[in-house]
Amino acid sequence: MTDWTPRPSRRSQRIIILGRDTCEDTTRSRRHLDERGIAYDYYRVDREPSADQWIRSLNDDMWITPTILVGDPKQPDVILREPSNEELDAAIEGR
């Protein structure tokens, strides 16, 4: 049993993952959110031209996967690059 309690104001924010299916960190982050029942939008940078352009614009023209946005996609509260599960939790929970 977990002692984690979501904060509604942060939990309701949109989460976007820009990643690749072949990336271990992307797979781990998605699995972690799935296990916690946290919804997110997933964009494959290797298959979607707009996602490719988006991730490059956030990372000095590089693919850093996953790049995870928390909040408004146009002005996210947090941008995470290759986060650990703990870093991802902290961003979602507003710690």
N, C-alpha and C. Protein backbone atom coordinates (compact mmCIF):
# COMPACT_ATOMS: atom_id res chain seq x y z
N MET A 1 0.85 -1.19 0.00
CA MET A 1 0.00 0.00 0.00
C MET A 1 0.88 1.24 0.00
N THR A 2 0.47 2.23 -0.72
CA THR A 2 1.27 3.45 -0.82
C THR A 2 0.71 4.54 0.07
N ASP A 3 1.58 5.43 0.52
CA ASP A 3 1.13 6.55 1.35
C ASP A 3 0.96 7.82 0.52
N TRP A 4 1.02 7.67 -0.80
CA TRP A 4 0.93 8.82 -1.70
C TRP A 4 -0.50 9.33 -1.75
N THR A 5 -0.66 10.63 -1.60
CA THR A 5 -1.97 11.27 -1.72
C THR A 5 -1.86 12.35 -2.78
N PRO A 6 -2.68 12.25 -3.85
CA PRO A 6 -2.57 13.25 -4.92
C PRO A 6 -3.04 14.62 -4.47
N ARG A 7 -2.45 15.63 -5.04
CA ARG A 7 -2.91 17.00 -4.83
C ARG A 7 -3.80 17.36 -6.01
N PRO A 8 -5.08 17.56 -5.79
CA PRO A 8 -6.01 17.76 -6.90
C PRO A 8 -5.61 18.88 -7.85
N SER A 9 -5.05 19.97 -7.35
CA SER A 9 -4.73 21.08 -8.23
C SER A 9 -3.65 20.70 -9.24
N ARG A 10 -2.71 19.85 -8.87
CA ARG A 10 -1.65 19.42 -9.78
C ARG A 10 -2.08 18.18 -10.56
N ARG A 11 -2.79 17.29 -9.90
CA ARG A 11 -3.19 16.03 -10.51
C ARG A 11 -4.04 16.26 -11.76
N SER A 12 -4.82 17.33 -11.75
CA SER A 12 -5.71 17.59 -12.86
C SER A 12 -4.98 18.23 -14.04
N GLN A 13 -3.71 18.56 -13.87
CA GLN A 13 -2.97 19.17 -14.97
C GLN A 13 -2.63 18.14 -16.02
N ARG A 14 -2.51 18.62 -17.22
CA ARG A 14 -2.20 17.74 -18.34
C ARG A 14 -0.74 17.30 -18.28
N ILE A 15 -0.52 16.04 -18.63
CA ILE A 15 0.83 15.48 -18.71
C ILE A 15 1.03 15.00 -20.14
N ILE A 16 2.12 15.40 -20.74
CA ILE A 16 2.45 15.01 -22.10
C ILE A 16 3.82 14.37 -22.10
N ILE A 17 3.91 13.21 -22.72
CA ILE A 17 5.19 12.52 -22.87
C ILE A 17 5.56 12.56 -24.35
N LEU A 18 6.72 13.10 -24.62
CA LEU A 18 7.31 13.05 -25.96
C LEU A 18 8.41 12.00 -25.90
N GLY A 19 8.23 10.89 -26.61
CA GLY A 19 9.19 9.81 -26.48
C GLY A 19 9.20 8.87 -27.66
N ARG A 20 9.85 7.74 -27.44
CA ARG A 20 9.96 6.68 -28.45
C ARG A 20 9.67 5.35 -27.79
N ASP A 21 9.01 4.45 -28.52
CA ASP A 21 8.72 3.12 -27.97
C ASP A 21 10.00 2.33 -27.70
N THR A 22 11.07 2.63 -28.41
CA THR A 22 12.33 1.91 -28.25
C THR A 22 13.20 2.48 -27.14
N CYS A 23 12.75 3.52 -26.47
CA CYS A 23 13.52 4.16 -25.41
C CYS A 23 13.13 3.56 -24.06
N GLU A 24 14.10 3.00 -23.36
CA GLU A 24 13.84 2.38 -22.05
C GLU A 24 13.29 3.38 -21.04
N ASP A 25 13.80 4.61 -21.06
CA ASP A 25 13.31 5.62 -20.11
C ASP A 25 11.87 6.02 -20.41
N THR A 26 11.52 6.10 -21.69
CA THR A 26 10.13 6.40 -22.06
C THR A 26 9.22 5.29 -21.58
N THR A 27 9.61 4.04 -21.83
CA THR A 27 8.82 2.89 -21.41
C THR A 27 8.65 2.87 -19.90
N ARG A 28 9.73 3.14 -19.17
CA ARG A 28 9.67 3.14 -17.71
C ARG A 28 8.73 4.23 -17.20
N SER A 29 8.83 5.44 -17.74
CA SER A 29 7.98 6.55 -17.30
C SER A 29 6.51 6.26 -17.60
N ARG A 30 6.22 5.73 -18.78
CA ARG A 30 4.84 5.41 -19.13
C ARG A 30 4.30 4.30 -18.22
N ARG A 31 5.10 3.28 -17.97
CA ARG A 31 4.67 2.19 -17.08
C ARG A 31 4.40 2.73 -15.68
N HIS A 32 5.25 3.61 -15.20
CA HIS A 32 5.09 4.18 -13.87
C HIS A 32 3.77 4.95 -13.76
N LEU A 33 3.48 5.78 -14.75
CA LEU A 33 2.21 6.53 -14.74
C LEU A 33 1.02 5.60 -14.87
N ASP A 34 1.14 4.59 -15.73
CA ASP A 34 0.06 3.61 -15.89
C ASP A 34 -0.23 2.90 -14.58
N GLU A 35 0.82 2.48 -13.87
CA GLU A 35 0.65 1.77 -12.60
C GLU A 35 -0.01 2.65 -11.54
N ARG A 36 0.21 3.95 -11.63
CA ARG A 36 -0.38 4.88 -10.68
C ARG A 36 -1.76 5.38 -11.13
N GLY A 37 -2.17 4.98 -12.32
CA GLY A 37 -3.47 5.39 -12.84
C GLY A 37 -3.52 6.85 -13.25
N ILE A 38 -2.39 7.39 -13.64
CA ILE A 38 -2.31 8.80 -14.02
C ILE A 38 -2.38 8.91 -15.55
N ALA A 39 -3.34 9.67 -16.03
CA ALA A 39 -3.53 9.85 -17.47
C ALA A 39 -2.47 10.77 -18.05
N TYR A 40 -2.11 10.49 -19.29
CA TYR A 40 -1.15 11.32 -20.00
C TYR A 40 -1.39 11.17 -21.50
N ASP A 41 -0.88 12.11 -22.26
CA ASP A 41 -0.88 12.02 -23.71
C ASP A 41 0.52 11.63 -24.15
N TYR A 42 0.61 10.71 -25.09
CA TYR A 42 1.90 10.22 -25.55
C TYR A 42 2.07 10.52 -27.03
N TYR A 43 3.16 11.18 -27.37
CA TYR A 43 3.48 11.51 -28.75
C TYR A 43 4.81 10.86 -29.10
N ARG A 44 4.81 10.09 -30.17
CA ARG A 44 6.02 9.40 -30.62
C ARG A 44 6.82 10.30 -31.54
N VAL A 45 7.98 10.71 -31.07
CA VAL A 45 8.80 11.63 -31.85
C VAL A 45 9.37 10.99 -33.10
N ASP A 46 9.45 9.66 -33.13
CA ASP A 46 9.99 8.97 -34.29
C ASP A 46 8.93 8.68 -35.34
N ARG A 47 7.67 8.95 -35.03
CA ARG A 47 6.59 8.66 -35.98
C ARG A 47 5.72 9.86 -36.32
N GLU A 48 5.77 10.89 -35.50
CA GLU A 48 4.89 12.04 -35.70
C GLU A 48 5.75 13.29 -35.94
N PRO A 49 5.73 13.82 -37.17
CA PRO A 49 6.57 14.98 -37.50
C PRO A 49 6.36 16.16 -36.55
N SER A 50 5.13 16.41 -36.13
CA SER A 50 4.91 17.55 -35.23
C SER A 50 5.54 17.29 -33.87
N ALA A 51 5.53 16.04 -33.41
CA ALA A 51 6.17 15.70 -32.13
C ALA A 51 7.69 15.82 -32.24
N ASP A 52 8.23 15.43 -33.39
CA ASP A 52 9.66 15.57 -33.63
C ASP A 52 10.07 17.04 -33.54
N GLN A 53 9.33 17.90 -34.20
CA GLN A 53 9.64 19.34 -34.16
C GLN A 53 9.48 19.88 -32.74
N TRP A 54 8.46 19.43 -32.04
CA TRP A 54 8.17 19.91 -30.70
C TRP A 54 9.30 19.56 -29.74
N ILE A 55 9.72 18.29 -29.74
CA ILE A 55 10.77 17.88 -28.80
C ILE A 55 12.09 18.59 -29.13
N ARG A 56 12.36 18.78 -30.39
CA ARG A 56 13.59 19.48 -30.78
C ARG A 56 13.56 20.94 -30.33
N SER A 57 12.38 21.55 -30.39
CA SER A 57 12.27 22.95 -29.96
C SER A 57 12.49 23.11 -28.45
N LEU A 58 12.23 22.07 -27.71
CA LEU A 58 12.40 22.10 -26.25
C LEU A 58 13.81 21.73 -25.79
N ASN A 59 14.59 21.11 -26.70
CA ASN A 59 15.87 20.52 -26.29
C ASN A 59 17.03 20.88 -27.23
N ASP A 60 17.12 22.14 -27.61
CA ASP A 60 18.25 22.59 -28.45
C ASP A 60 18.47 21.69 -29.65
N ASP A 61 17.37 21.36 -30.36
CA ASP A 61 17.38 20.58 -31.59
C ASP A 61 17.83 19.13 -31.39
N MET A 62 17.66 18.60 -30.18
CA MET A 62 18.01 17.20 -29.90
C MET A 62 16.78 16.44 -29.45
N TRP A 63 16.83 15.12 -29.68
CA TRP A 63 15.85 14.22 -29.10
C TRP A 63 16.36 13.82 -27.72
N ILE A 64 15.70 14.26 -26.69
CA ILE A 64 15.98 13.78 -25.34
C ILE A 64 14.69 13.12 -24.90
N THR A 65 14.72 11.80 -24.83
CA THR A 65 13.49 11.06 -24.53
C THR A 65 13.62 10.28 -23.24
N PRO A 66 12.55 10.33 -22.48
CA PRO A 66 11.37 11.14 -22.73
C PRO A 66 11.58 12.59 -22.29
N THR A 67 10.88 13.48 -22.93
CA THR A 67 10.70 14.84 -22.45
C THR A 67 9.25 14.90 -22.01
N ILE A 68 9.03 15.26 -20.75
CA ILE A 68 7.68 15.22 -20.18
C ILE A 68 7.29 16.62 -19.75
N LEU A 69 6.11 17.03 -20.20
CA LEU A 69 5.56 18.34 -19.86
C LEU A 69 4.43 18.17 -18.87
N VAL A 70 4.43 19.00 -17.84
CA VAL A 70 3.35 18.98 -16.85
C VAL A 70 2.72 20.36 -16.86
N GLY A 71 1.41 20.41 -17.12
CA GLY A 71 0.70 21.68 -17.16
C GLY A 71 0.27 22.03 -18.57
N ASP A 72 0.10 23.29 -18.83
CA ASP A 72 -0.32 23.79 -20.13
C ASP A 72 0.77 23.46 -21.15
N PRO A 73 0.43 22.75 -22.24
CA PRO A 73 1.46 22.38 -23.22
C PRO A 73 2.21 23.56 -23.82
N LYS A 74 1.55 24.72 -23.92
CA LYS A 74 2.21 25.88 -24.51
C LYS A 74 3.13 26.58 -23.51
N GLN A 75 2.79 26.51 -22.23
CA GLN A 75 3.62 27.09 -21.17
C GLN A 75 3.58 26.14 -19.97
N PRO A 76 4.28 25.00 -20.07
CA PRO A 76 4.21 24.01 -18.99
C PRO A 76 4.81 24.53 -17.70
N ASP A 77 4.24 24.06 -16.59
CA ASP A 77 4.79 24.38 -15.28
C ASP A 77 6.15 23.73 -15.10
N VAL A 78 6.28 22.51 -15.66
CA VAL A 78 7.51 21.73 -15.51
C VAL A 78 7.83 21.05 -16.83
N ILE A 79 9.11 21.04 -17.18
CA ILE A 79 9.61 20.25 -18.31
C ILE A 79 10.67 19.32 -17.73
N LEU A 80 10.44 18.02 -17.89
CA LEU A 80 11.38 17.01 -17.38
C LEU A 80 12.05 16.32 -18.55
N ARG A 81 13.33 16.07 -18.40
CA ARG A 81 14.09 15.36 -19.43
C ARG A 81 14.71 14.13 -18.79
N GLU A 82 14.32 12.96 -19.31
CA GLU A 82 14.79 11.69 -18.79
C GLU A 82 14.66 11.61 -17.27
N PRO A 83 13.48 11.90 -16.72
CA PRO A 83 13.36 11.93 -15.26
C PRO A 83 13.33 10.53 -14.64
N SER A 84 13.78 10.47 -13.41
CA SER A 84 13.58 9.25 -12.62
C SER A 84 12.10 9.20 -12.22
N ASN A 85 11.65 8.06 -11.73
CA ASN A 85 10.26 7.97 -11.26
C ASN A 85 10.02 8.95 -10.11
N GLU A 86 11.00 9.13 -9.26
CA GLU A 86 10.87 10.05 -8.14
C GLU A 86 10.73 11.50 -8.62
N GLU A 87 11.53 11.87 -9.61
CA GLU A 87 11.43 13.23 -10.17
C GLU A 87 10.08 13.45 -10.84
N LEU A 88 9.59 12.43 -11.53
CA LEU A 88 8.28 12.52 -12.18
C LEU A 88 7.18 12.69 -11.14
N ASP A 89 7.23 11.87 -10.07
CA ASP A 89 6.25 11.99 -8.99
C ASP A 89 6.27 13.38 -8.38
N ALA A 90 7.46 13.89 -8.11
CA ALA A 90 7.58 15.21 -7.47
C ALA A 90 6.98 16.30 -8.35
N ALA A 91 7.18 16.22 -9.66
CA ALA A 91 6.64 17.22 -10.57
C ALA A 91 5.11 17.16 -10.60
N ILE A 92 4.58 15.96 -10.62
CA ILE A 92 3.12 15.80 -10.66
C ILE A 92 2.48 16.24 -9.35
N GLU A 93 3.14 15.92 -8.26
CA GLU A 93 2.60 16.23 -6.94
C GLU A 93 2.89 17.67 -6.51
N GLY A 94 3.71 18.37 -7.28
CA GLY A 94 4.00 19.77 -6.95
C GLY A 94 4.99 19.93 -5.83
N ARG A 95 5.87 18.94 -5.65
CA ARG A 95 6.89 19.03 -4.58
C ARG A 95 8.10 19.76 -5.09
